[in-house]
C-alpha atoms as a PDB file:
ATOM      1  CA  UNK A   1      40.887 -99.896 -32.893  1.00  0.00           C
ATOM      2  CA  UNK A   2      44.498 -98.385 -32.715  1.00  0.00           C
ATOM      3  CA  UNK A   3      44.267 -96.421 -35.958  1.00  0.00           C
ATOM      4  CA  UNK A   4      40.800 -95.480 -34.808  1.00  0.00           C
ATOM      5  CA  UNK A   5      41.782 -93.782 -31.777  1.00  0.00           C
ATOM      6  CA  UNK A   6      45.141 -92.252 -33.689  1.00  0.00           C
ATOM      7  CA  UNK A   7      42.427 -90.300 -35.875  1.00  0.00           C
ATOM      8  CA  UNK A   8      40.532 -89.277 -32.982  1.00  0.00           C
ATOM      9  CA  UNK A   9      43.896 -88.127 -31.213  1.00  0.00           C
ATOM     10  CA  UNK A  10      44.975 -86.127 -34.342  1.00  0.00           C
ATOM     11  CA  UNK A  11      41.546 -84.462 -34.872  1.00  0.00           C
ATOM     12  CA  UNK A  12      41.062 -83.522 -31.424  1.00  0.00           C
ATOM     13  CA  UNK A  13      44.022 -84.335 -29.029  1.00  0.00           C
ATOM     14  CA  UNK A  14      42.615 -83.149 -25.683  1.00  0.00           C
ATOM     15  CA  UNK A  15      40.264 -86.033 -25.138  1.00  0.00           C
ATOM     16  CA  UNK A  16      40.685 -89.205 -23.193  1.00  0.00           C
ATOM     17  CA  UNK A  17      39.205 -91.764 -26.125  1.00  0.00           C
ATOM     18  CA  UNK A  18      39.899 -95.061 -23.817  1.00  0.00           C
ATOM     19  CA  UNK A  19      37.264 -93.735 -21.224  1.00  0.00           C
ATOM     20  CA  UNK A  20      35.223 -91.055 -22.535  1.00  0.00           C
ATOM     21  CA  UNK A  21      31.561 -91.997 -23.147  1.00  0.00           C
ATOM     22  CA  UNK A  22      30.407 -88.509 -23.435  1.00  0.00           C
ATOM     23  CA  UNK A  23      32.438 -86.914 -26.387  1.00  0.00           C
ATOM     24  CA  UNK A  24      29.113 -85.351 -27.912  1.00  0.00           C
ATOM     25  CA  UNK A  25      27.122 -84.643 -24.835  1.00  0.00           C
ATOM     26  CA  UNK A  26      30.112 -82.557 -23.199  1.00  0.00           C
ATOM     27  CA  UNK A  27      31.019 -80.862 -26.202  1.00  0.00           C
ATOM     28  CA  UNK A  28      34.392 -82.573 -26.672  1.00  0.00           C
ATOM     29  CA  UNK A  29      33.674 -82.796 -30.514  1.00  0.00           C
ATOM     30  CA  UNK A  30      32.340 -80.220 -32.400  1.00  0.00           C
ATOM     31  CA  UNK A  31      30.590 -80.381 -35.798  1.00  0.00           C
ATOM     32  CA  UNK A  32      34.024 -79.647 -37.869  1.00  0.00           C
ATOM     33  CA  UNK A  33      35.377 -82.450 -35.667  1.00  0.00           C
ATOM     34  CA  UNK A  34      32.535 -84.796 -36.374  1.00  0.00           C
ATOM     35  CA  UNK A  35      32.661 -83.893 -40.029  1.00  0.00           C
ATOM     36  CA  UNK A  36      36.513 -84.521 -40.101  1.00  0.00           C
ATOM     37  CA  UNK A  37      36.279 -87.780 -38.155  1.00  0.00           C
ATOM     38  CA  UNK A  38      34.074 -89.173 -40.951  1.00  0.00           C
ATOM     39  CA  UNK A  39      36.200 -88.258 -43.592  1.00  0.00           C
ATOM     40  CA  UNK A  40      38.923 -90.151 -42.139  1.00  0.00           C
ATOM     41  CA  UNK A  41      37.146 -92.919 -41.181  1.00  0.00           C
ATOM     42  CA  UNK A  42      35.568 -93.587 -44.632  1.00  0.00           C
ATOM     43  CA  UNK A  43      39.077 -93.189 -46.165  1.00  0.00           C
ATOM     44  CA  UNK A  44      40.863 -95.664 -43.530  1.00  0.00           C
ATOM     45  CA  UNK A  45      38.286 -98.057 -42.862  1.00  0.00           C
ATOM     46  CA  UNK A  46      36.450 -98.056 -46.804  1.00  0.00           C
ATOM     47  CA  UNK A  47      33.297 -97.549 -45.398  1.00  0.00           C
ATOM     48  CA  UNK A  48      30.125 -94.777 -46.159  1.00  0.00           C
ATOM     49  CA  UNK A  49      28.947 -92.899 -43.742  1.00  0.00           C
ATOM     50  CA  UNK A  50      25.289 -91.829 -44.300  1.00  0.00           C
ATOM     51  CA  UNK A  51      23.795 -88.471 -42.624  1.00  0.00           C
ATOM     52  CA  UNK A  52      21.343 -91.260 -40.633  1.00  0.00           C
ATOM     53  CA  UNK A  53      24.633 -92.771 -39.099  1.00  0.00           C
ATOM     54  CA  UNK A  54      25.945 -89.335 -37.753  1.00  0.00           C
ATOM     55  CA  UNK A  55      24.097 -89.197 -34.786  1.00  0.00           C
ATOM     56  CA  UNK A  56      25.295 -88.869 -30.876  1.00  0.00           C
ATOM     57  CA  UNK A  57      24.897 -92.382 -30.070  1.00  0.00           C
ATOM     58  CA  UNK A  58      27.375 -93.216 -32.749  1.00  0.00           C
ATOM     59  CA  UNK A  59      30.118 -90.322 -31.712  1.00  0.00           C
ATOM     60  CA  UNK A  60      29.928 -90.509 -28.099  1.00  0.00           C
ATOM     61  CA  UNK A  61      32.621 -92.615 -27.371  1.00  0.00           C
ATOM     62  CA  UNK A  62      35.672 -94.709 -29.463  1.00  0.00           C
ATOM     63  CA  UNK A  63      33.741 -97.569 -28.448  1.00  0.00           C
ATOM     64  CA  UNK A  64      30.466 -96.342 -30.515  1.00  0.00           C
ATOM     65  CA  UNK A  65      32.260 -95.241 -33.237  1.00  0.00           C
ATOM     66  CA  UNK A  66      34.098 -98.669 -33.502  1.00  0.00           C
ATOM     67  CA  UNK A  67      30.643-100.342 -33.157  1.00  0.00           C
ATOM     68  CA  UNK A  68      29.361 -98.457 -36.372  1.00  0.00           C
ATOM     69  CA  UNK A  69      32.317 -98.980 -38.159  1.00  0.00           C
ATOM     70  CA  UNK A  70      32.262-102.640 -37.881  1.00  0.00           C
ATOM     71  CA  UNK A  71      28.405-102.654 -38.511  1.00  0.00           C
ATOM     72  CA  UNK A  72      29.071-100.799 -41.920  1.00  0.00           C
ATOM     73  CA  UNK A  73      32.013-103.157 -42.863  1.00  0.00           C
ATOM     74  CA  UNK A  74      29.577-106.069 -42.661  1.00  0.00           C
ATOM     75  CA  UNK A  75      26.743-104.132 -44.793  1.00  0.00           C
END
């Protein structure tokens, strides 16, 4: 999870990833940031994020992103 937070802070440093649950809903992450996050996560965690996974529920918080990563690593 620490590496995920590092990735998020590099791409968009102005958010509190420890507590924010509305990264997409509040417009903190835009489409460019999401594409950058997807690329970094795929490289770092050796998972494949399909277009079907790129939904607000998976990107609204660091916890949701981490859950998605864990799920994809098990697949």
